[in-house]
Amino acid sequence: MKTTRSILLAGSLFLALAGLAPAQAAVDEAAAQALAKKNDCFKCHAVDKTKKGPSYKKIAAKYQEKKLGEQDAIKQMTEGKKVKLEDGTEEDHKIIDTKDPKELKNLAQWILSR
């Protein structure tokens, strides 16, 4: 009887702790930065400084404020829509050169986690 109770208790504890685990894997920062570098994203963006385009920290804050998410970021990176630059001019946003949804998701998560 004690063994059965111990097994039930251990199983319940396992399920409770499993619920605390993050639902998604951690962002692969090195892969995200490599993809951004390969696509010349750092030509216009920096993590914490404004360049031709806003910093990734500013982008993350804007997305949080407007309640936009990962799919919105991926859409921006893959559709080449017009963007307003820091100097007020507009241009088409460069399209990320990858069709791998995992790479796009990782890059979006990395940017939005800044």
PDB file of N, CA and C in Angstrom:
ATOM      1  N   MET A   1       0.822  -1.191   0.000  1.00  0.00           N
ATOM      2  CA  MET A   1       0.000   0.000   0.000  1.00  0.00           C
ATOM      3  C   MET A   1       0.869   1.258   0.000  1.00  0.00           C
ATOM      4  N   LYS A   2       1.949   1.220   0.791  1.00  0.00           N
ATOM      5  CA  LYS A   2       2.855   2.367   0.851  1.00  0.00           C
ATOM      6  C   LYS A   2       3.520   2.594  -0.508  1.00  0.00           C
ATOM      7  N   THR A   3       3.862   1.516  -1.203  1.00  0.00           N
ATOM      8  CA  THR A   3       4.505   1.620  -2.508  1.00  0.00           C
ATOM      9  C   THR A   3       3.562   2.266  -3.520  1.00  0.00           C
ATOM     10  N   THR A   4       2.320   1.860  -3.520  1.00  0.00           N
ATOM     11  CA  THR A   4       1.329   2.424  -4.430  1.00  0.00           C
ATOM     12  C   THR A   4       1.143   3.911  -4.160  1.00  0.00           C
ATOM     13  N   ARG A   5       1.079   4.272  -2.897  1.00  0.00           N
ATOM     14  CA  ARG A   5       0.925   5.681  -2.522  1.00  0.00           C
ATOM     15  C   ARG A   5       2.146   6.481  -2.977  1.00  0.00           C
ATOM     16  N   SER A   6       3.334   5.917  -2.795  1.00  0.00           N
ATOM     17  CA  SER A   6       4.566   6.596  -3.212  1.00  0.00           C
ATOM     18  C   SER A   6       4.601   6.796  -4.720  1.00  0.00           C
ATOM     19  N   ILE A   7       4.178   5.780  -5.453  1.00  0.00           N
ATOM     20  CA  ILE A   7       4.159   5.883  -6.916  1.00  0.00           C
ATOM     21  C   ILE A   7       3.151   6.950  -7.353  1.00  0.00           C
ATOM     22  N   LEU A   8       1.985   6.950  -6.751  1.00  0.00           N
ATOM     23  CA  LEU A   8       0.976   7.962  -7.080  1.00  0.00           C
ATOM     24  C   LEU A   8       1.461   9.370  -6.750  1.00  0.00           C
ATOM     25  N   LEU A   9       2.104   9.506  -5.605  1.00  0.00           N
ATOM     26  CA  LEU A   9       2.636  10.797  -5.195  1.00  0.00           C
ATOM     27  C   LEU A   9       3.729  11.263  -6.161  1.00  0.00           C
ATOM     28  N   ALA A  10       4.619  10.356  -6.529  1.00  0.00           N
ATOM     29  CA  ALA A  10       5.699  10.696  -7.465  1.00  0.00           C
ATOM     30  C   ALA A  10       5.124  11.065  -8.828  1.00  0.00           C
ATOM     31  N   GLY A  11       4.137  10.324  -9.284  1.00  0.00           N
ATOM     32  CA  GLY A  11       3.503  10.627 -10.568  1.00  0.00           C
ATOM     33  C   GLY A  11       2.816  11.983 -10.549  1.00  0.00           C
ATOM     34  N   SER A  12       2.118  12.278  -9.462  1.00  0.00           N
ATOM     35  CA  SER A  12       1.440  13.571  -9.332  1.00  0.00           C
ATOM     36  C   SER A  12       2.449  14.716  -9.315  1.00  0.00           C
ATOM     37  N   LEU A  13       3.539  14.518  -8.608  1.00  0.00           N
ATOM     38  CA  LEU A  13       4.591  15.534  -8.546  1.00  0.00           C
ATOM     39  C   LEU A  13       5.190  15.763  -9.923  1.00  0.00           C
ATOM     40  N   PHE A  14       5.432  14.685 -10.652  1.00  0.00           N
ATOM     41  CA  PHE A  14       5.987  14.794 -12.008  1.00  0.00           C
ATOM     42  C   PHE A  14       5.053  15.607 -12.900  1.00  0.00           C
ATOM     43  N   LEU A  15       3.766  15.301 -12.872  1.00  0.00           N
ATOM     44  CA  LEU A  15       2.799  16.033 -13.698  1.00  0.00           C
ATOM     45  C   LEU A  15       2.715  17.501 -13.297  1.00  0.00           C
ATOM     46  N   ALA A  16       2.769  17.758 -12.017  1.00  0.00           N
ATOM     47  CA  ALA A  16       2.717  19.147 -11.546  1.00  0.00           C
ATOM     48  C   ALA A  16       3.943  19.926 -12.022  1.00  0.00           C
ATOM     49  N   LEU A  17       5.108  19.313 -11.925  1.00  0.00           N
ATOM     50  CA  LEU A  17       6.334  19.989 -12.354  1.00  0.00           C
ATOM     51  C   LEU A  17       6.392  20.125 -13.870  1.00  0.00           C
ATOM     52  N   ALA A  18       5.865  19.149 -14.583  1.00  0.00           N
ATOM     53  CA  ALA A  18       5.837  19.222 -16.047  1.00  0.00           C
ATOM     54  C   ALA A  18       5.029  20.426 -16.507  1.00  0.00           C
ATOM     55  N   GLY A  19       4.009  20.769 -15.756  1.00  0.00           N
ATOM     56  CA  GLY A  19       3.196  21.935 -16.086  1.00  0.00           C
ATOM     57  C   GLY A  19       3.939  23.245 -15.920  1.00  0.00           C
ATOM     58  N   LEU A  20       5.002  23.234 -15.125  1.00  0.00           N
ATOM     59  CA  LEU A  20       5.794  24.442 -14.908  1.00  0.00           C
ATOM     60  C   LEU A  20       6.850  24.649 -15.988  1.00  0.00           C
ATOM     61  N   ALA A  21       7.170  23.604 -16.737  1.00  0.00           N
ATOM     62  CA  ALA A  21       8.198  23.686 -17.771  1.00  0.00           C
ATOM     63  C   ALA A  21       7.719  24.594 -18.892  1.00  0.00           C
ATOM     64  N   PRO A  22       8.634  25.324 -19.525  1.00  0.00           N
ATOM     65  CA  PRO A  22       8.220  26.191 -20.625  1.00  0.00           C
ATOM     66  C   PRO A  22       7.651  25.368 -21.771  1.00  0.00           C
ATOM     67  N   ALA A  23       6.628  25.890 -22.409  1.00  0.00           N
ATOM     68  CA  ALA A  23       5.956  25.176 -23.487  1.00  0.00           C
ATOM     69  C   ALA A  23       6.808  25.118 -24.745  1.00  0.00           C
ATOM     70  N   GLN A  24       7.767  26.022 -24.869  1.00  0.00           N
ATOM     71  CA  GLN A  24       8.604  26.030 -26.060  1.00  0.00           C
ATOM     72  C   GLN A  24      10.071  26.010 -25.656  1.00  0.00           C
ATOM     73  N   ALA A  25      10.875  25.583 -26.581  1.00  0.00           N
ATOM     74  CA  ALA A  25      12.306  25.527 -26.318  1.00  0.00           C
ATOM     75  C   ALA A  25      12.860  26.944 -26.240  1.00  0.00           C
ATOM     76  N   ALA A  26      13.975  27.069 -25.589  1.00  0.00           N
ATOM     77  CA  ALA A  26      14.626  28.372 -25.475  1.00  0.00           C
ATOM     78  C   ALA A  26      15.087  28.844 -26.853  1.00  0.00           C
ATOM     79  N   VAL A  27      15.192  30.140 -26.989  1.00  0.00           N
ATOM     80  CA  VAL A  27      15.651  30.737 -28.239  1.00  0.00           C
ATOM     81  C   VAL A  27      17.120  30.375 -28.454  1.00  0.00           C
ATOM     82  N   ASP A  28      17.453  29.972 -29.663  1.00  0.00           N
ATOM     83  CA  ASP A  28      18.838  29.700 -30.025  1.00  0.00           C
ATOM     84  C   ASP A  28      19.431  31.025 -30.505  1.00  0.00           C
ATOM     85  N   GLU A  29      20.037  31.763 -29.564  1.00  0.00           N
ATOM     86  CA  GLU A  29      20.541  33.101 -29.872  1.00  0.00           C
ATOM     87  C   GLU A  29      21.595  33.095 -30.966  1.00  0.00           C
ATOM     88  N   ALA A  30      22.489  32.129 -30.928  1.00  0.00           N
ATOM     89  CA  ALA A  30      23.557  32.069 -31.934  1.00  0.00           C
ATOM     90  C   ALA A  30      22.974  31.873 -33.330  1.00  0.00           C
ATOM     91  N   ALA A  31      21.995  30.996 -33.460  1.00  0.00           N
ATOM     92  CA  ALA A  31      21.368  30.747 -34.759  1.00  0.00           C
ATOM     93  C   ALA A  31      20.599  31.975 -35.240  1.00  0.00           C
ATOM     94  N   ALA A  32      19.894  32.640 -34.326  1.00  0.00           N
ATOM     95  CA  ALA A  32      19.143  33.842 -34.688  1.00  0.00           C
ATOM     96  C   ALA A  32      20.085  34.945 -35.158  1.00  0.00           C
ATOM     97  N   GLN A  33      21.160  35.155 -34.425  1.00  0.00           N
ATOM     98  CA  GLN A  33      22.119  36.193 -34.807  1.00  0.00           C
ATOM     99  C   GLN A  33      22.806  35.845 -36.124  1.00  0.00           C
ATOM    100  N   ALA A  34      23.083  34.567 -36.344  1.00  0.00           N
ATOM    101  CA  ALA A  34      23.711  34.143 -37.606  1.00  0.00           C
ATOM    102  C   ALA A  34      22.773  34.410 -38.788  1.00  0.00           C
ATOM    103  N   LEU A  35      21.493  34.104 -38.616  1.00  0.00           N
ATOM    104  CA  LEU A  35      20.517  34.355 -39.684  1.00  0.00           C
ATOM    105  C   LEU A  35      20.374  35.854 -39.931  1.00  0.00           C
ATOM    106  N   ALA A  36      20.337  36.633 -38.869  1.00  0.00           N
ATOM    107  CA  ALA A  36      20.246  38.090 -39.015  1.00  0.00           C
ATOM    108  C   ALA A  36      21.483  38.640 -39.726  1.00  0.00           C
ATOM    109  N   LYS A  37      22.647  38.129 -39.363  1.00  0.00           N
ATOM    110  CA  LYS A  37      23.883  38.582 -39.999  1.00  0.00           C
ATOM    111  C   LYS A  37      23.910  38.188 -41.476  1.00  0.00           C
ATOM    112  N   LYS A  38      23.513  36.950 -41.770  1.00  0.00           N
ATOM    113  CA  LYS A  38      23.492  36.448 -43.150  1.00  0.00           C
ATOM    114  C   LYS A  38      22.578  37.302 -44.027  1.00  0.00           C
ATOM    115  N   ASN A  39      21.510  37.833 -43.443  1.00  0.00           N
ATOM    116  CA  ASN A  39      20.542  38.624 -44.189  1.00  0.00           C
ATOM    117  C   ASN A  39      20.761  40.132 -44.072  1.00  0.00           C
ATOM    118  N   ASP A  40      21.918  40.528 -43.538  1.00  0.00           N
ATOM    119  CA  ASP A  40      22.289  41.946 -43.394  1.00  0.00           C
ATOM    120  C   ASP A  40      21.334  42.757 -42.527  1.00  0.00           C
ATOM    121  N   CYS A  41      20.667  42.102 -41.577  1.00  0.00           N
ATOM    122  CA  CYS A  41      19.741  42.814 -40.688  1.00  0.00           C
ATOM    123  C   CYS A  41      20.475  43.853 -39.842  1.00  0.00           C
ATOM    124  N   PHE A  42      21.735  43.541 -39.494  1.00  0.00           N
ATOM    125  CA  PHE A  42      22.485  44.447 -38.628  1.00  0.00           C
ATOM    126  C   PHE A  42      22.959  45.694 -39.371  1.00  0.00           C
ATOM    127  N   LYS A  43      22.733  45.730 -40.681  1.00  0.00           N
ATOM    128  CA  LYS A  43      23.036  46.931 -41.451  1.00  0.00           C
ATOM    129  C   LYS A  43      22.094  48.064 -41.019  1.00  0.00           C
ATOM    130  N   CYS A  44      20.839  47.702 -40.732  1.00  0.00           N
ATOM    131  CA  CYS A  44      19.840  48.705 -40.352  1.00  0.00           C
ATOM    132  C   CYS A  44      19.447  48.650 -38.882  1.00  0.00           C
ATOM    133  N   HIS A  45      19.674  47.506 -38.220  1.00  0.00           N
ATOM    134  CA  HIS A  45      19.247  47.320 -36.830  1.00  0.00           C
ATOM    135  C   HIS A  45      20.419  46.931 -35.943  1.00  0.00           C
ATOM    136  N   ALA A  46      20.337  47.319 -34.691  1.00  0.00           N
ATOM    137  CA  ALA A  46      21.247  46.855 -33.644  1.00  0.00           C
ATOM    138  C   ALA A  46      20.360  46.422 -32.477  1.00  0.00           C
ATOM    139  N   VAL A  47      20.928  45.698 -31.546  1.00  0.00           N
ATOM    140  CA  VAL A  47      20.131  45.232 -30.415  1.00  0.00           C
ATOM    141  C   VAL A  47      19.625  46.399 -29.584  1.00  0.00           C
ATOM    142  N   ASP A  48      20.516  47.329 -29.263  1.00  0.00           N
ATOM    143  CA  ASP A  48      20.107  48.399 -28.342  1.00  0.00           C
ATOM    144  C   ASP A  48      20.410  49.810 -28.831  1.00  0.00           C
ATOM    145  N   LYS A  49      20.758  49.963 -30.104  1.00  0.00           N
ATOM    146  CA  LYS A  49      21.032  51.293 -30.652  1.00  0.00           C
ATOM    147  C   LYS A  49      20.217  51.503 -31.914  1.00  0.00           C
ATOM    148  N   THR A  50      19.781  52.729 -32.117  1.00  0.00           N
ATOM    149  CA  THR A  50      19.080  53.079 -33.344  1.00  0.00           C
ATOM    150  C   THR A  50      20.100  53.273 -34.449  1.00  0.00           C
ATOM    151  N   LYS A  51      19.848  52.662 -35.565  1.00  0.00           N
ATOM    152  CA  LYS A  51      20.658  52.867 -36.767  1.00  0.00           C
ATOM    153  C   LYS A  51      19.713  53.443 -37.814  1.00  0.00           C
ATOM    154  N   LYS A  52      19.780  52.932 -39.019  1.00  0.00           N
ATOM    155  CA  LYS A  52      18.841  53.329 -40.060  1.00  0.00           C
ATOM    156  C   LYS A  52      17.418  52.924 -39.660  1.00  0.00           C
ATOM    157  N   GLY A  53      17.311  51.781 -38.993  1.00  0.00           N
ATOM    158  CA  GLY A  53      16.041  51.289 -38.475  1.00  0.00           C
ATOM    159  C   GLY A  53      16.090  51.260 -36.958  1.00  0.00           C
ATOM    160  N   PRO A  54      14.970  50.971 -36.319  1.00  0.00           N
ATOM    161  CA  PRO A  54      14.924  50.952 -34.857  1.00  0.00           C
ATOM    162  C   PRO A  54      15.717  49.782 -34.273  1.00  0.00           C
ATOM    163  N   SER A  55      16.123  49.929 -33.038  1.00  0.00           N
ATOM    164  CA  SER A  55      16.826  48.844 -32.352  1.00  0.00           C
ATOM    165  C   SER A  55      15.852  47.694 -32.108  1.00  0.00           C
ATOM    166  N   TYR A  56      16.395  46.511 -31.898  1.00  0.00           N
ATOM    167  CA  TYR A  56      15.538  45.364 -31.597  1.00  0.00           C
ATOM    168  C   TYR A  56      14.804  45.561 -30.271  1.00  0.00           C
ATOM    169  N   LYS A  57      15.423  46.263 -29.338  1.00  0.00           N
ATOM    170  CA  LYS A  57      14.735  46.556 -28.075  1.00  0.00           C
ATOM    171  C   LYS A  57      13.513  47.437 -28.334  1.00  0.00           C
ATOM    172  N   LYS A  58      13.658  48.416 -29.200  1.00  0.00           N
ATOM    173  CA  LYS A  58      12.545  49.301 -29.529  1.00  0.00           C
ATOM    174  C   LYS A  58      11.451  48.525 -30.276  1.00  0.00           C
ATOM    175  N   ILE A  59      11.852  47.640 -31.161  1.00  0.00           N
ATOM    176  CA  ILE A  59      10.890  46.817 -31.898  1.00  0.00           C
ATOM    177  C   ILE A  59      10.119  45.926 -30.928  1.00  0.00           C
ATOM    178  N   ALA A  60      10.832  45.276 -30.021  1.00  0.00           N
ATOM    179  CA  ALA A  60      10.187  44.390 -29.038  1.00  0.00           C
ATOM    180  C   ALA A  60       9.187  45.172 -28.186  1.00  0.00           C
ATOM    181  N   ALA A  61       9.568  46.377 -27.768  1.00  0.00           N
ATOM    182  CA  ALA A  61       8.670  47.205 -26.951  1.00  0.00           C
ATOM    183  C   ALA A  61       7.417  47.588 -27.742  1.00  0.00           C
ATOM    184  N   LYS A  62       7.606  47.931 -29.006  1.00  0.00           N
ATOM    185  CA  LYS A  62       6.469  48.303 -29.864  1.00  0.00           C
ATOM    186  C   LYS A  62       5.524  47.118 -30.043  1.00  0.00           C
ATOM    187  N   TYR A  63       6.082  45.947 -30.289  1.00  0.00           N
ATOM    188  CA  TYR A  63       5.240  44.762 -30.469  1.00  0.00           C
ATOM    189  C   TYR A  63       4.488  44.433 -29.183  1.00  0.00           C
ATOM    190  N   GLN A  64       5.145  44.596 -28.051  1.00  0.00           N
ATOM    191  CA  GLN A  64       4.489  44.320 -26.769  1.00  0.00           C
ATOM    192  C   GLN A  64       3.369  45.331 -26.525  1.00  0.00           C
ATOM    193  N   GLU A  65       3.652  46.590 -26.786  1.00  0.00           N
ATOM    194  CA  GLU A  65       2.664  47.650 -26.577  1.00  0.00           C
ATOM    195  C   GLU A  65       1.428  47.447 -27.453  1.00  0.00           C
ATOM    196  N   LYS A  66       1.648  47.050 -28.693  1.00  0.00           N
ATOM    197  CA  LYS A  66       0.539  46.871 -29.637  1.00  0.00           C
ATOM    198  C   LYS A  66      -0.045  45.462 -29.589  1.00  0.00           C
ATOM    199  N   LYS A  67       0.460  44.652 -28.655  1.00  0.00           N
ATOM    200  CA  LYS A  67       0.010  43.275 -28.484  1.00  0.00           C
ATOM    201  C   LYS A  67       0.157  42.467 -29.775  1.00  0.00           C
ATOM    202  N   LEU A  68       1.279  42.687 -30.447  1.00  0.00           N
ATOM    203  CA  LEU A  68       1.628  41.915 -31.637  1.00  0.00           C
ATOM    204  C   LEU A  68       2.537  40.778 -31.194  1.00  0.00           C
ATOM    205  N   GLY A  69       2.644  39.770 -31.988  1.00  0.00           N
ATOM    206  CA  GLY A  69       3.442  38.622 -31.574  1.00  0.00           C
ATOM    207  C   GLY A  69       4.347  38.089 -32.655  1.00  0.00           C
ATOM    208  N   GLU A  70       4.761  36.873 -32.410  1.00  0.00           N
ATOM    209  CA  GLU A  70       5.717  36.186 -33.266  1.00  0.00           C
ATOM    210  C   GLU A  70       5.256  36.124 -34.723  1.00  0.00           C
ATOM    211  N   GLN A  71       4.001  35.770 -34.954  1.00  0.00           N
ATOM    212  CA  GLN A  71       3.501  35.673 -36.328  1.00  0.00           C
ATOM    213  C   GLN A  71       3.528  37.025 -37.038  1.00  0.00           C
ATOM    214  N   ASP A  72       3.265  38.087 -36.299  1.00  0.00           N
ATOM    215  CA  ASP A  72       3.329  39.435 -36.879  1.00  0.00           C
ATOM    216  C   ASP A  72       4.763  39.783 -37.273  1.00  0.00           C
ATOM    217  N   ALA A  73       5.709  39.403 -36.435  1.00  0.00           N
ATOM    218  CA  ALA A  73       7.124  39.662 -36.734  1.00  0.00           C
ATOM    219  C   ALA A  73       7.561  38.860 -37.955  1.00  0.00           C
ATOM    220  N   ILE A  74       7.156  37.612 -38.028  1.00  0.00           N
ATOM    221  CA  ILE A  74       7.507  36.771 -39.182  1.00  0.00           C
ATOM    222  C   ILE A  74       6.908  37.353 -40.458  1.00  0.00           C
ATOM    223  N   LYS A  75       5.678  37.802 -40.373  1.00  0.00           N
ATOM    224  CA  LYS A  75       5.020  38.423 -41.532  1.00  0.00           C
ATOM    225  C   LYS A  75       5.818  39.636 -42.005  1.00  0.00           C
ATOM    226  N   GLN A  76       6.262  40.466 -41.062  1.00  0.00           N
ATOM    227  CA  GLN A  76       7.052  41.648 -41.412  1.00  0.00           C
ATOM    228  C   GLN A  76       8.355  41.254 -42.105  1.00  0.00           C
ATOM    229  N   MET A  77       8.974  40.170 -41.620  1.00  0.00           N
ATOM    230  CA  MET A  77      10.273  39.755 -42.162  1.00  0.00           C
ATOM    231  C   MET A  77      10.158  39.022 -43.496  1.00  0.00           C
ATOM    232  N   THR A  78       8.959  38.539 -43.850  1.00  0.00           N
ATOM    233  CA  THR A  78       8.832  37.704 -45.043  1.00  0.00           C
ATOM    234  C   THR A  78       7.999  38.312 -46.157  1.00  0.00           C
ATOM    235  N   GLU A  79       7.342  39.426 -45.907  1.00  0.00           N
ATOM    236  CA  GLU A  79       6.474  40.001 -46.934  1.00  0.00           C
ATOM    237  C   GLU A  79       7.029  41.255 -47.592  1.00  0.00           C
ATOM    238  N   GLY A  80       8.092  41.824 -47.064  1.00  0.00           N
ATOM    239  CA  GLY A  80       8.711  42.986 -47.696  1.00  0.00           C
ATOM    240  C   GLY A  80       7.859  44.241 -47.694  1.00  0.00           C
ATOM    241  N   LYS A  81       7.013  44.397 -46.688  1.00  0.00           N
ATOM    242  CA  LYS A  81       6.155  45.584 -46.603  1.00  0.00           C
ATOM    243  C   LYS A  81       6.990  46.841 -46.380  1.00  0.00           C
ATOM    244  N   LYS A  82       6.374  47.968 -46.670  1.00  0.00           N
ATOM    245  CA  LYS A  82       7.037  49.254 -46.432  1.00  0.00           C
ATOM    246  C   LYS A  82       7.215  49.478 -44.936  1.00  0.00           C
ATOM    247  N   VAL A  83       8.366  50.052 -44.594  1.00  0.00           N
ATOM    248  CA  VAL A  83       8.651  50.410 -43.208  1.00  0.00           C
ATOM    249  C   VAL A  83       9.092  51.864 -43.163  1.00  0.00           C
ATOM    250  N   LYS A  84       8.757  52.517 -42.069  1.00  0.00           N
ATOM    251  CA  LYS A  84       9.184  53.902 -41.870  1.00  0.00           C
ATOM    252  C   LYS A  84      10.505  53.864 -41.114  1.00  0.00           C
ATOM    253  N   LEU A  85      11.515  54.506 -41.673  1.00  0.00           N
ATOM    254  CA  LEU A  85      12.835  54.538 -41.068  1.00  0.00           C
ATOM    255  C   LEU A  85      12.927  55.671 -40.046  1.00  0.00           C
ATOM    256  N   GLU A  86      13.972  55.643 -39.274  1.00  0.00           N
ATOM    257  CA  GLU A  86      14.153  56.641 -38.210  1.00  0.00           C
ATOM    258  C   GLU A  86      14.206  58.063 -38.748  1.00  0.00           C
ATOM    259  N   ASP A  87      14.668  58.249 -39.992  1.00  0.00           N
ATOM    260  CA  ASP A  87      14.740  59.600 -40.561  1.00  0.00           C
ATOM    261  C   ASP A  87      13.424  60.039 -41.205  1.00  0.00           C
ATOM    262  N   GLY A  88      12.392  59.186 -41.111  1.00  0.00           N
ATOM    263  CA  GLY A  88      11.082  59.535 -41.648  1.00  0.00           C
ATOM    264  C   GLY A  88      10.820  59.019 -43.049  1.00  0.00           C
ATOM    265  N   THR A  89      11.844  58.562 -43.735  1.00  0.00           N
ATOM    266  CA  THR A  89      11.649  58.018 -45.074  1.00  0.00           C
ATOM    267  C   THR A  89      11.070  56.606 -44.979  1.00  0.00           C
ATOM    268  N   GLU A  90      10.586  56.106 -46.110  1.00  0.00           N
ATOM    269  CA  GLU A  90      10.037  54.758 -46.164  1.00  0.00           C
ATOM    270  C   GLU A  90      10.765  53.956 -47.229  1.00  0.00           C
ATOM    271  N   GLU A  91      10.849  52.660 -46.983  1.00  0.00           N
ATOM    272  CA  GLU A  91      11.388  51.742 -47.989  1.00  0.00           C
ATOM    273  C   GLU A  91      10.835  50.354 -47.725  1.00  0.00           C
ATOM    274  N   ASP A  92      10.954  49.489 -48.726  1.00  0.00           N
ATOM    275  CA  ASP A  92      10.505  48.110 -48.556  1.00  0.00           C
ATOM    276  C   ASP A  92      11.459  47.391 -47.617  1.00  0.00           C
ATOM    277  N   HIS A  93      10.885  46.671 -46.656  1.00  0.00           N
ATOM    278  CA  HIS A  93      11.715  45.897 -45.723  1.00  0.00           C
ATOM    279  C   HIS A  93      12.291  44.702 -46.469  1.00  0.00           C
ATOM    280  N   LYS A  94      13.551  44.428 -46.251  1.00  0.00           N
ATOM    281  CA  LYS A  94      14.203  43.288 -46.894  1.00  0.00           C
ATOM    282  C   LYS A  94      13.549  41.998 -46.414  1.00  0.00           C
ATOM    283  N   ILE A  95      13.385  41.059 -47.338  1.00  0.00           N
ATOM    284  CA  ILE A  95      12.795  39.761 -47.026  1.00  0.00           C
ATOM    285  C   ILE A  95      13.884  38.808 -46.555  1.00  0.00           C
ATOM    286  N   ILE A  96      13.648  38.145 -45.433  1.00  0.00           N
ATOM    287  CA  ILE A  96      14.603  37.179 -44.887  1.00  0.00           C
ATOM    288  C   ILE A  96      14.722  36.001 -45.852  1.00  0.00           C
ATOM    289  N   ASP A  97      15.940  35.648 -46.173  1.00  0.00           N
ATOM    290  CA  ASP A  97      16.200  34.587 -47.136  1.00  0.00           C
ATOM    291  C   ASP A  97      16.262  33.219 -46.451  1.00  0.00           C
ATOM    292  N   THR A  98      15.101  32.725 -46.048  1.00  0.00           N
ATOM    293  CA  THR A  98      14.961  31.359 -45.556  1.00  0.00           C
ATOM    294  C   THR A  98      13.492  30.990 -45.656  1.00  0.00           C
ATOM    295  N   LYS A  99      13.238  29.750 -45.944  1.00  0.00           N
ATOM    296  CA  LYS A  99      11.862  29.243 -45.984  1.00  0.00           C
ATOM    297  C   LYS A  99      11.607  28.333 -44.788  1.00  0.00           C
ATOM    298  N   ASP A 100      12.630  28.151 -43.953  1.00  0.00           N
ATOM    299  CA  ASP A 100      12.521  27.256 -42.801  1.00  0.00           C
ATOM    300  C   ASP A 100      11.701  27.938 -41.704  1.00  0.00           C
ATOM    301  N   PRO A 101      10.495  27.434 -41.419  1.00  0.00           N
ATOM    302  CA  PRO A 101       9.665  28.076 -40.398  1.00  0.00           C
ATOM    303  C   PRO A 101      10.306  28.074 -39.008  1.00  0.00           C
ATOM    304  N   LYS A 102      11.139  27.082 -38.717  1.00  0.00           N
ATOM    305  CA  LYS A 102      11.812  27.040 -37.411  1.00  0.00           C
ATOM    306  C   LYS A 102      12.824  28.172 -37.294  1.00  0.00           C
ATOM    307  N   GLU A 103      13.543  28.449 -38.369  1.00  0.00           N
ATOM    308  CA  GLU A 103      14.512  29.555 -38.356  1.00  0.00           C
ATOM    309  C   GLU A 103      13.798  30.894 -38.200  1.00  0.00           C
ATOM    310  N   LEU A 104      12.697  31.069 -38.933  1.00  0.00           N
ATOM    311  CA  LEU A 104      11.934  32.314 -38.843  1.00  0.00           C
ATOM    312  C   LEU A 104      11.360  32.503 -37.444  1.00  0.00           C
ATOM    313  N   LYS A 105      10.821  31.438 -36.887  1.00  0.00           N
ATOM    314  CA  LYS A 105      10.249  31.494 -35.538  1.00  0.00           C
ATOM    315  C   LYS A 105      11.331  31.839 -34.520  1.00  0.00           C
ATOM    316  N   ASN A 106      12.492  31.211 -34.647  1.00  0.00           N
ATOM    317  CA  ASN A 106      13.594  31.468 -33.713  1.00  0.00           C
ATOM    318  C   ASN A 106      14.056  32.923 -33.801  1.00  0.00           C
ATOM    319  N   LEU A 107      14.187  33.430 -35.029  1.00  0.00           N
ATOM    320  CA  LEU A 107      14.616  34.825 -35.202  1.00  0.00           C
ATOM    321  C   LEU A 107      13.574  35.782 -34.614  1.00  0.00           C
ATOM    322  N   ALA A 108      12.311  35.520 -34.889  1.00  0.00           N
ATOM    323  CA  ALA A 108      11.243  36.380 -34.348  1.00  0.00           C
ATOM    324  C   ALA A 108      11.259  36.355 -32.819  1.00  0.00           C
ATOM    325  N   GLN A 109      11.383  35.174 -32.251  1.00  0.00           N
ATOM    326  CA  GLN A 109      11.423  35.067 -30.786  1.00  0.00           C
ATOM    327  C   GLN A 109      12.637  35.793 -30.218  1.00  0.00           C
ATOM    328  N   TRP A 110      13.769  35.696 -30.900  1.00  0.00           N
ATOM    329  CA  TRP A 110      14.980  36.369 -30.422  1.00  0.00           C
ATOM    330  C   TRP A 110      14.774  37.894 -30.429  1.00  0.00           C
ATOM    331  N   ILE A 111      14.233  38.404 -31.531  1.00  0.00           N
ATOM    332  CA  ILE A 111      14.012  39.841 -31.624  1.00  0.00           C
ATOM    333  C   ILE A 111      13.022  40.308 -30.555  1.00  0.00           C
ATOM    334  N   LEU A 112      11.934  39.567 -30.387  1.00  0.00           N
ATOM    335  CA  LEU A 112      10.895  39.985 -29.451  1.00  0.00           C
ATOM    336  C   LEU A 112      11.281  39.785 -27.999  1.00  0.00           C
ATOM    337  N   SER A 113      12.349  39.041 -27.763  1.00  0.00           N
ATOM    338  CA  SER A 113      12.810  38.827 -26.371  1.00  0.00           C
ATOM    339  C   SER A 113      13.826  39.874 -25.917  1.00  0.00           C
ATOM    340  N   ARG A 114      14.137  40.782 -26.760  1.00  0.00           N
ATOM    341  CA  ARG A 114      15.144  41.798 -26.418  1.00  0.00           C
ATOM    342  C   ARG A 114      14.610  42.696 -25.389  1.00  0.00           C
TER     343      ARG A 114
END
